[in-house]
């Protein structure tokens, strides 16, 4: 991994989606790693200390909310983006933000939009 690039962890049980997303994010200049479950994502996060984590809202072993809360305990500085295949209620969004999510994206989304969201969250983090 190029240590000069930001590390992005993708946590999604759809391996084809995650692999394609990682390939595209690498073309956008990010280092990328993938986990298929929340538990594997947390183990990988503890090892890699990613700058950002993208997590599916529905994982086989946890919700995106649970993953968000867990990764913030392991890597408090990680920016988290929740990816979902459905619209979220205002209450769900508030809950995610309270747990440390920085943004939400509804699938399918434009990868350039995702890359811009990651860069925005990382630049906000640098300003703090």
N, C-alpha and C. Protein backbone atom coordinates (compact mmCIF):
# COMPACT_ATOMS: atom_id res chain seq x y z
N UNK A 1 0.83 -1.19 0.00
CA UNK A 1 0.00 0.00 0.00
C UNK A 1 0.87 1.24 0.00
N UNK A 2 0.51 2.19 -0.80
CA UNK A 2 1.21 3.47 -0.85
C UNK A 2 0.82 4.28 0.38
N UNK A 3 1.77 4.50 1.28
CA UNK A 3 1.45 5.19 2.53
C UNK A 3 1.16 6.67 2.34
N UNK A 4 1.39 7.20 1.15
CA UNK A 4 1.08 8.60 0.89
C UNK A 4 -0.38 8.80 0.49
N UNK A 5 -1.09 7.72 0.24
CA UNK A 5 -2.50 7.80 -0.16
C UNK A 5 -3.38 7.53 1.04
N UNK A 6 -4.55 8.10 1.05
CA UNK A 6 -5.52 7.83 2.11
C UNK A 6 -6.04 6.41 1.99
N UNK A 7 -6.19 5.75 3.14
CA UNK A 7 -6.68 4.38 3.18
C UNK A 7 -8.20 4.41 3.39
N UNK A 8 -8.90 3.70 2.51
CA UNK A 8 -10.35 3.59 2.59
C UNK A 8 -10.71 2.12 2.78
N UNK A 9 -11.49 1.83 3.81
CA UNK A 9 -11.98 0.48 4.08
C UNK A 9 -13.42 0.38 3.58
N UNK A 10 -13.68 -0.59 2.72
CA UNK A 10 -15.02 -0.84 2.22
C UNK A 10 -15.56 -2.10 2.91
N UNK A 11 -16.69 -1.97 3.60
CA UNK A 11 -17.30 -3.10 4.28
C UNK A 11 -18.66 -3.37 3.63
N UNK A 12 -18.71 -4.44 2.85
CA UNK A 12 -19.92 -4.79 2.13
C UNK A 12 -19.89 -6.28 1.84
N UNK A 13 -21.00 -6.97 2.05
CA UNK A 13 -21.03 -8.42 1.83
C UNK A 13 -21.17 -8.80 0.36
N UNK A 14 -21.41 -7.85 -0.51
CA UNK A 14 -21.45 -8.10 -1.95
C UNK A 14 -20.02 -7.93 -2.47
N UNK A 15 -19.31 -9.06 -2.60
CA UNK A 15 -17.89 -9.02 -2.96
C UNK A 15 -17.66 -8.36 -4.32
N UNK A 16 -18.52 -8.63 -5.30
CA UNK A 16 -18.34 -8.03 -6.63
C UNK A 16 -18.48 -6.51 -6.56
N UNK A 17 -19.48 -6.04 -5.83
CA UNK A 17 -19.67 -4.60 -5.67
C UNK A 17 -18.46 -3.98 -4.98
N UNK A 18 -18.02 -4.61 -3.89
CA UNK A 18 -16.91 -4.06 -3.11
C UNK A 18 -15.61 -4.05 -3.91
N UNK A 19 -15.34 -5.12 -4.64
CA UNK A 19 -14.12 -5.17 -5.44
C UNK A 19 -14.13 -4.11 -6.52
N UNK A 20 -15.27 -3.94 -7.19
CA UNK A 20 -15.38 -2.90 -8.22
C UNK A 20 -15.23 -1.52 -7.62
N UNK A 21 -15.82 -1.31 -6.45
CA UNK A 21 -15.70 -0.03 -5.77
C UNK A 21 -14.25 0.24 -5.40
N UNK A 22 -13.57 -0.77 -4.88
CA UNK A 22 -12.16 -0.59 -4.51
C UNK A 22 -11.31 -0.26 -5.73
N UNK A 23 -11.53 -0.96 -6.83
CA UNK A 23 -10.77 -0.68 -8.05
C UNK A 23 -10.97 0.76 -8.49
N UNK A 24 -12.21 1.21 -8.46
CA UNK A 24 -12.51 2.57 -8.89
C UNK A 24 -11.91 3.60 -7.93
N UNK A 25 -12.00 3.34 -6.62
CA UNK A 25 -11.42 4.27 -5.64
C UNK A 25 -9.91 4.34 -5.77
N UNK A 26 -9.29 3.23 -6.12
CA UNK A 26 -7.84 3.25 -6.33
C UNK A 26 -7.49 4.11 -7.54
N UNK A 27 -8.33 4.08 -8.58
CA UNK A 27 -8.12 4.96 -9.73
C UNK A 27 -8.29 6.43 -9.34
N UNK A 28 -9.09 6.68 -8.30
CA UNK A 28 -9.30 8.04 -7.79
C UNK A 28 -8.19 8.47 -6.83
N UNK A 29 -7.21 7.58 -6.59
CA UNK A 29 -6.06 7.94 -5.77
C UNK A 29 -6.08 7.47 -4.33
N UNK A 30 -7.02 6.59 -3.99
CA UNK A 30 -7.09 6.06 -2.63
C UNK A 30 -6.49 4.66 -2.56
N UNK A 31 -5.96 4.28 -1.40
CA UNK A 31 -5.66 2.88 -1.10
C UNK A 31 -6.96 2.28 -0.59
N UNK A 32 -7.23 1.05 -0.94
CA UNK A 32 -8.51 0.47 -0.58
C UNK A 32 -8.34 -0.95 -0.07
N UNK A 33 -9.12 -1.29 0.95
CA UNK A 33 -9.20 -2.64 1.48
C UNK A 33 -10.67 -3.00 1.62
N UNK A 34 -10.97 -4.30 1.61
CA UNK A 34 -12.36 -4.75 1.65
C UNK A 34 -12.56 -5.81 2.72
N UNK A 35 -13.68 -5.72 3.40
CA UNK A 35 -14.13 -6.75 4.33
C UNK A 35 -15.59 -7.05 4.02
N UNK A 36 -16.00 -8.31 4.23
CA UNK A 36 -17.36 -8.72 3.91
C UNK A 36 -18.32 -8.70 5.08
N UNK A 37 -17.79 -8.55 6.29
CA UNK A 37 -18.63 -8.50 7.49
C UNK A 37 -18.16 -7.38 8.40
N UNK A 38 -19.01 -7.00 9.32
CA UNK A 38 -18.64 -5.96 10.29
C UNK A 38 -17.46 -6.43 11.14
N UNK A 39 -17.50 -7.68 11.59
CA UNK A 39 -16.42 -8.20 12.43
C UNK A 39 -15.08 -8.17 11.70
N UNK A 40 -15.07 -8.62 10.44
CA UNK A 40 -13.83 -8.57 9.66
C UNK A 40 -13.40 -7.13 9.42
N UNK A 41 -14.37 -6.25 9.21
CA UNK A 41 -14.07 -4.84 9.00
C UNK A 41 -13.41 -4.21 10.22
N UNK A 42 -13.88 -4.55 11.40
CA UNK A 42 -13.30 -4.01 12.63
C UNK A 42 -11.89 -4.55 12.82
N UNK A 43 -11.69 -5.85 12.55
CA UNK A 43 -10.33 -6.43 12.66
C UNK A 43 -9.38 -5.76 11.68
N UNK A 44 -9.85 -5.54 10.46
CA UNK A 44 -9.01 -4.90 9.44
C UNK A 44 -8.74 -3.44 9.81
N UNK A 45 -9.75 -2.77 10.35
CA UNK A 45 -9.58 -1.37 10.77
C UNK A 45 -8.53 -1.26 11.87
N UNK A 46 -8.54 -2.19 12.81
CA UNK A 46 -7.56 -2.17 13.90
C UNK A 46 -6.14 -2.32 13.34
N UNK A 47 -6.01 -3.06 12.26
CA UNK A 47 -4.69 -3.28 11.64
C UNK A 47 -4.26 -2.12 10.74
N UNK A 48 -5.20 -1.60 9.94
CA UNK A 48 -4.87 -0.58 8.92
C UNK A 48 -5.05 0.86 9.38
N UNK A 49 -5.87 1.09 10.40
CA UNK A 49 -6.23 2.45 10.82
C UNK A 49 -6.64 3.30 9.61
N UNK A 50 -7.74 2.93 8.94
CA UNK A 50 -8.14 3.65 7.74
C UNK A 50 -8.54 5.09 8.03
N UNK A 51 -8.35 5.92 7.00
CA UNK A 51 -8.77 7.32 7.09
C UNK A 51 -10.28 7.43 6.94
N UNK A 52 -10.84 6.51 6.15
CA UNK A 52 -12.29 6.51 5.90
C UNK A 52 -12.78 5.08 5.80
N UNK A 53 -14.04 4.89 6.16
CA UNK A 53 -14.68 3.58 6.03
C UNK A 53 -16.04 3.77 5.37
N UNK A 54 -16.32 2.94 4.38
CA UNK A 54 -17.61 2.93 3.71
C UNK A 54 -18.27 1.64 4.11
N UNK A 55 -19.44 1.70 4.67
CA UNK A 55 -20.10 0.48 5.10
C UNK A 55 -21.52 0.40 4.58
N UNK A 56 -21.87 -0.80 4.17
CA UNK A 56 -23.25 -1.07 3.79
C UNK A 56 -24.11 -0.95 5.04
N UNK A 57 -25.33 -0.52 4.87
CA UNK A 57 -26.24 -0.36 6.00
C UNK A 57 -26.67 -1.70 6.58
N UNK A 58 -26.80 -2.72 5.71
CA UNK A 58 -27.22 -4.06 6.15
C UNK A 58 -26.09 -5.03 5.89
N UNK A 59 -25.37 -5.41 6.93
CA UNK A 59 -24.32 -6.40 6.83
C UNK A 59 -24.83 -7.72 7.40
N UNK A 60 -24.19 -8.84 7.06
CA UNK A 60 -24.69 -10.13 7.56
C UNK A 60 -24.66 -10.25 9.08
N UNK A 61 -23.72 -9.56 9.73
CA UNK A 61 -23.55 -9.72 11.17
C UNK A 61 -23.83 -8.46 11.98
N UNK A 62 -24.22 -7.37 11.34
CA UNK A 62 -24.47 -6.12 12.07
C UNK A 62 -25.13 -5.11 11.15
N UNK A 63 -25.65 -4.06 11.76
CA UNK A 63 -26.16 -2.93 10.97
C UNK A 63 -25.01 -1.95 10.73
N UNK A 64 -25.23 -1.05 9.81
CA UNK A 64 -24.25 0.01 9.60
C UNK A 64 -24.07 0.85 10.85
N UNK A 65 -25.14 1.02 11.61
CA UNK A 65 -25.05 1.77 12.87
C UNK A 65 -24.08 1.09 13.84
N UNK A 66 -24.22 -0.23 13.99
CA UNK A 66 -23.35 -0.97 14.90
C UNK A 66 -21.90 -0.91 14.43
N UNK A 67 -21.69 -1.04 13.12
CA UNK A 67 -20.33 -0.94 12.60
C UNK A 67 -19.75 0.45 12.87
N UNK A 68 -20.54 1.47 12.63
CA UNK A 68 -20.09 2.85 12.84
C UNK A 68 -19.65 3.05 14.30
N UNK A 69 -20.47 2.60 15.23
CA UNK A 69 -20.13 2.74 16.65
C UNK A 69 -18.86 1.96 16.98
N UNK A 70 -18.71 0.77 16.41
CA UNK A 70 -17.54 -0.06 16.70
C UNK A 70 -16.26 0.50 16.12
N UNK A 71 -16.31 0.96 14.88
CA UNK A 71 -15.07 1.47 14.28
C UNK A 71 -14.61 2.75 14.97
N UNK A 72 -15.56 3.54 15.45
CA UNK A 72 -15.19 4.77 16.15
C UNK A 72 -14.47 4.47 17.46
N UNK A 73 -14.72 3.29 18.04
CA UNK A 73 -13.99 2.88 19.25
C UNK A 73 -12.57 2.44 18.91
N UNK A 74 -12.40 1.84 17.72
CA UNK A 74 -11.10 1.30 17.31
C UNK A 74 -10.24 2.36 16.63
N UNK A 75 -10.87 3.15 15.74
CA UNK A 75 -10.17 4.21 15.00
C UNK A 75 -11.04 5.46 15.08
N UNK A 76 -10.96 6.20 16.19
CA UNK A 76 -11.84 7.37 16.37
C UNK A 76 -11.76 8.41 15.26
N UNK A 77 -10.62 8.49 14.59
CA UNK A 77 -10.45 9.51 13.56
C UNK A 77 -11.02 9.11 12.20
N UNK A 78 -11.44 7.86 12.04
CA UNK A 78 -11.95 7.41 10.74
C UNK A 78 -13.25 8.12 10.37
N UNK A 79 -13.31 8.60 9.15
CA UNK A 79 -14.55 9.17 8.62
C UNK A 79 -15.39 8.02 8.09
N UNK A 80 -16.68 8.01 8.43
CA UNK A 80 -17.54 6.89 8.04
C UNK A 80 -18.65 7.38 7.12
N UNK A 81 -18.84 6.64 6.04
CA UNK A 81 -19.95 6.89 5.12
C UNK A 81 -20.80 5.64 5.09
N UNK A 82 -22.09 5.79 5.39
CA UNK A 82 -23.03 4.68 5.33
C UNK A 82 -23.63 4.60 3.94
N UNK A 83 -23.58 3.41 3.34
CA UNK A 83 -24.17 3.17 2.02
C UNK A 83 -25.44 2.36 2.22
N UNK A 84 -26.51 2.77 1.57
CA UNK A 84 -27.78 2.07 1.74
C UNK A 84 -28.49 1.92 0.40
N UNK A 85 -29.26 0.86 0.30
CA UNK A 85 -30.05 0.63 -0.90
C UNK A 85 -31.45 1.19 -0.79
N UNK A 86 -31.75 1.88 0.31
CA UNK A 86 -33.09 2.45 0.48
C UNK A 86 -32.97 3.84 1.09
N UNK A 87 -34.03 4.57 1.02
CA UNK A 87 -34.05 5.89 1.67
C UNK A 87 -34.11 5.69 3.17
N UNK A 88 -33.39 6.52 3.89
CA UNK A 88 -33.41 6.46 5.34
C UNK A 88 -34.32 7.55 5.89
N UNK A 89 -34.94 7.26 7.01
CA UNK A 89 -35.78 8.27 7.66
C UNK A 89 -34.89 9.31 8.31
N UNK A 90 -35.47 10.44 8.64
CA UNK A 90 -34.72 11.48 9.34
C UNK A 90 -34.18 10.96 10.67
N UNK A 91 -34.97 10.15 11.36
CA UNK A 91 -34.53 9.57 12.64
C UNK A 91 -33.32 8.66 12.45
N UNK A 92 -33.35 7.84 11.38
CA UNK A 92 -32.21 6.96 11.11
C UNK A 92 -30.97 7.78 10.79
N UNK A 93 -31.13 8.84 10.02
CA UNK A 93 -29.99 9.70 9.71
C UNK A 93 -29.44 10.34 10.97
N UNK A 94 -30.32 10.84 11.83
CA UNK A 94 -29.87 11.45 13.09
C UNK A 94 -29.10 10.44 13.93
N UNK A 95 -29.63 9.21 13.97
CA UNK A 95 -28.96 8.16 14.75
C UNK A 95 -27.56 7.89 14.20
N UNK A 96 -27.44 7.79 12.89
CA UNK A 96 -26.14 7.56 12.27
C UNK A 96 -25.16 8.68 12.55
N UNK A 97 -25.62 9.91 12.42
CA UNK A 97 -24.74 11.05 12.71
C UNK A 97 -24.32 11.05 14.18
N UNK A 98 -25.23 10.70 15.07
CA UNK A 98 -24.91 10.64 16.50
C UNK A 98 -23.86 9.57 16.79
N UNK A 99 -23.83 8.52 15.99
CA UNK A 99 -22.85 7.45 16.16
C UNK A 99 -21.54 7.73 15.46
N UNK A 100 -21.47 8.84 14.74
CA UNK A 100 -20.21 9.23 14.11
C UNK A 100 -20.16 9.15 12.60
N UNK A 101 -21.27 8.81 11.95
CA UNK A 101 -21.27 8.80 10.48
C UNK A 101 -21.09 10.22 9.97
N UNK A 102 -20.32 10.34 8.91
CA UNK A 102 -20.10 11.66 8.33
C UNK A 102 -21.00 11.95 7.15
N UNK A 103 -21.54 10.88 6.53
CA UNK A 103 -22.38 11.06 5.35
C UNK A 103 -23.12 9.76 5.05
N UNK A 104 -24.12 9.87 4.18
CA UNK A 104 -24.90 8.74 3.68
C UNK A 104 -24.90 8.81 2.17
N UNK A 105 -24.85 7.67 1.52
CA UNK A 105 -25.05 7.60 0.08
C UNK A 105 -26.04 6.49 -0.22
N UNK A 106 -26.96 6.75 -1.14
CA UNK A 106 -27.94 5.75 -1.54
C UNK A 106 -27.46 5.06 -2.80
N UNK A 107 -27.42 3.72 -2.75
CA UNK A 107 -27.02 2.94 -3.92
C UNK A 107 -28.14 2.94 -4.93
N UNK A 108 -27.88 2.95 -6.21
CA UNK A 108 -26.55 3.14 -6.78
C UNK A 108 -26.15 4.61 -6.73
N UNK A 109 -24.87 4.85 -6.64
CA UNK A 109 -24.37 6.22 -6.61
C UNK A 109 -23.22 6.36 -7.59
N UNK A 110 -22.94 7.59 -7.94
CA UNK A 110 -21.84 7.89 -8.84
C UNK A 110 -20.54 7.84 -8.02
N UNK A 111 -19.56 7.12 -8.52
CA UNK A 111 -18.31 6.96 -7.78
C UNK A 111 -17.58 8.30 -7.64
N UNK A 112 -17.75 9.19 -8.59
CA UNK A 112 -17.13 10.52 -8.44
C UNK A 112 -17.77 11.26 -7.27
N UNK A 113 -19.08 11.05 -7.08
CA UNK A 113 -19.78 11.65 -5.93
C UNK A 113 -19.21 11.07 -4.63
N UNK A 114 -18.98 9.76 -4.63
CA UNK A 114 -18.41 9.11 -3.46
C UNK A 114 -17.00 9.64 -3.18
N UNK A 115 -16.17 9.70 -4.21
CA UNK A 115 -14.79 10.20 -4.03
C UNK A 115 -14.81 11.64 -3.50
N UNK A 116 -15.72 12.45 -4.01
CA UNK A 116 -15.83 13.83 -3.52
C UNK A 116 -16.27 13.86 -2.06
N UNK A 117 -17.20 12.97 -1.68
CA UNK A 117 -17.65 12.91 -0.28
C UNK A 117 -16.50 12.49 0.63
N UNK A 118 -15.71 11.51 0.20
CA UNK A 118 -14.56 11.07 1.00
C UNK A 118 -13.57 12.22 1.16
N UNK A 119 -13.25 12.88 0.07
CA UNK A 119 -12.30 14.00 0.14
C UNK A 119 -12.82 15.12 1.04
N UNK A 120 -14.12 15.39 0.95
CA UNK A 120 -14.71 16.44 1.79
C UNK A 120 -14.58 16.08 3.27
N UNK A 121 -14.91 14.84 3.61
CA UNK A 121 -14.81 14.41 5.01
C UNK A 121 -13.37 14.43 5.50
N UNK A 122 -12.44 14.01 4.64
CA UNK A 122 -11.03 14.01 5.05
C UNK A 122 -10.50 15.44 5.21
N UNK A 123 -10.95 16.37 4.36
CA UNK A 123 -10.49 17.75 4.49
C UNK A 123 -11.09 18.39 5.74
N UNK A 124 -12.31 18.04 6.10
CA UNK A 124 -12.91 18.55 7.34
C UNK A 124 -12.14 18.06 8.54
N UNK A 125 -11.69 16.81 8.47
CA UNK A 125 -10.93 16.21 9.56
C UNK A 125 -9.58 16.93 9.72
N UNK A 126 -8.96 17.29 8.60
CA UNK A 126 -7.67 17.98 8.65
C UNK A 126 -7.79 19.37 9.26
N UNK A 127 -8.95 20.00 9.10
CA UNK A 127 -9.15 21.35 9.61
C UNK A 127 -9.33 21.37 11.13
N UNK A 128 -9.67 20.22 11.70
CA UNK A 128 -9.92 20.16 13.15
C UNK A 128 -8.64 20.11 13.93
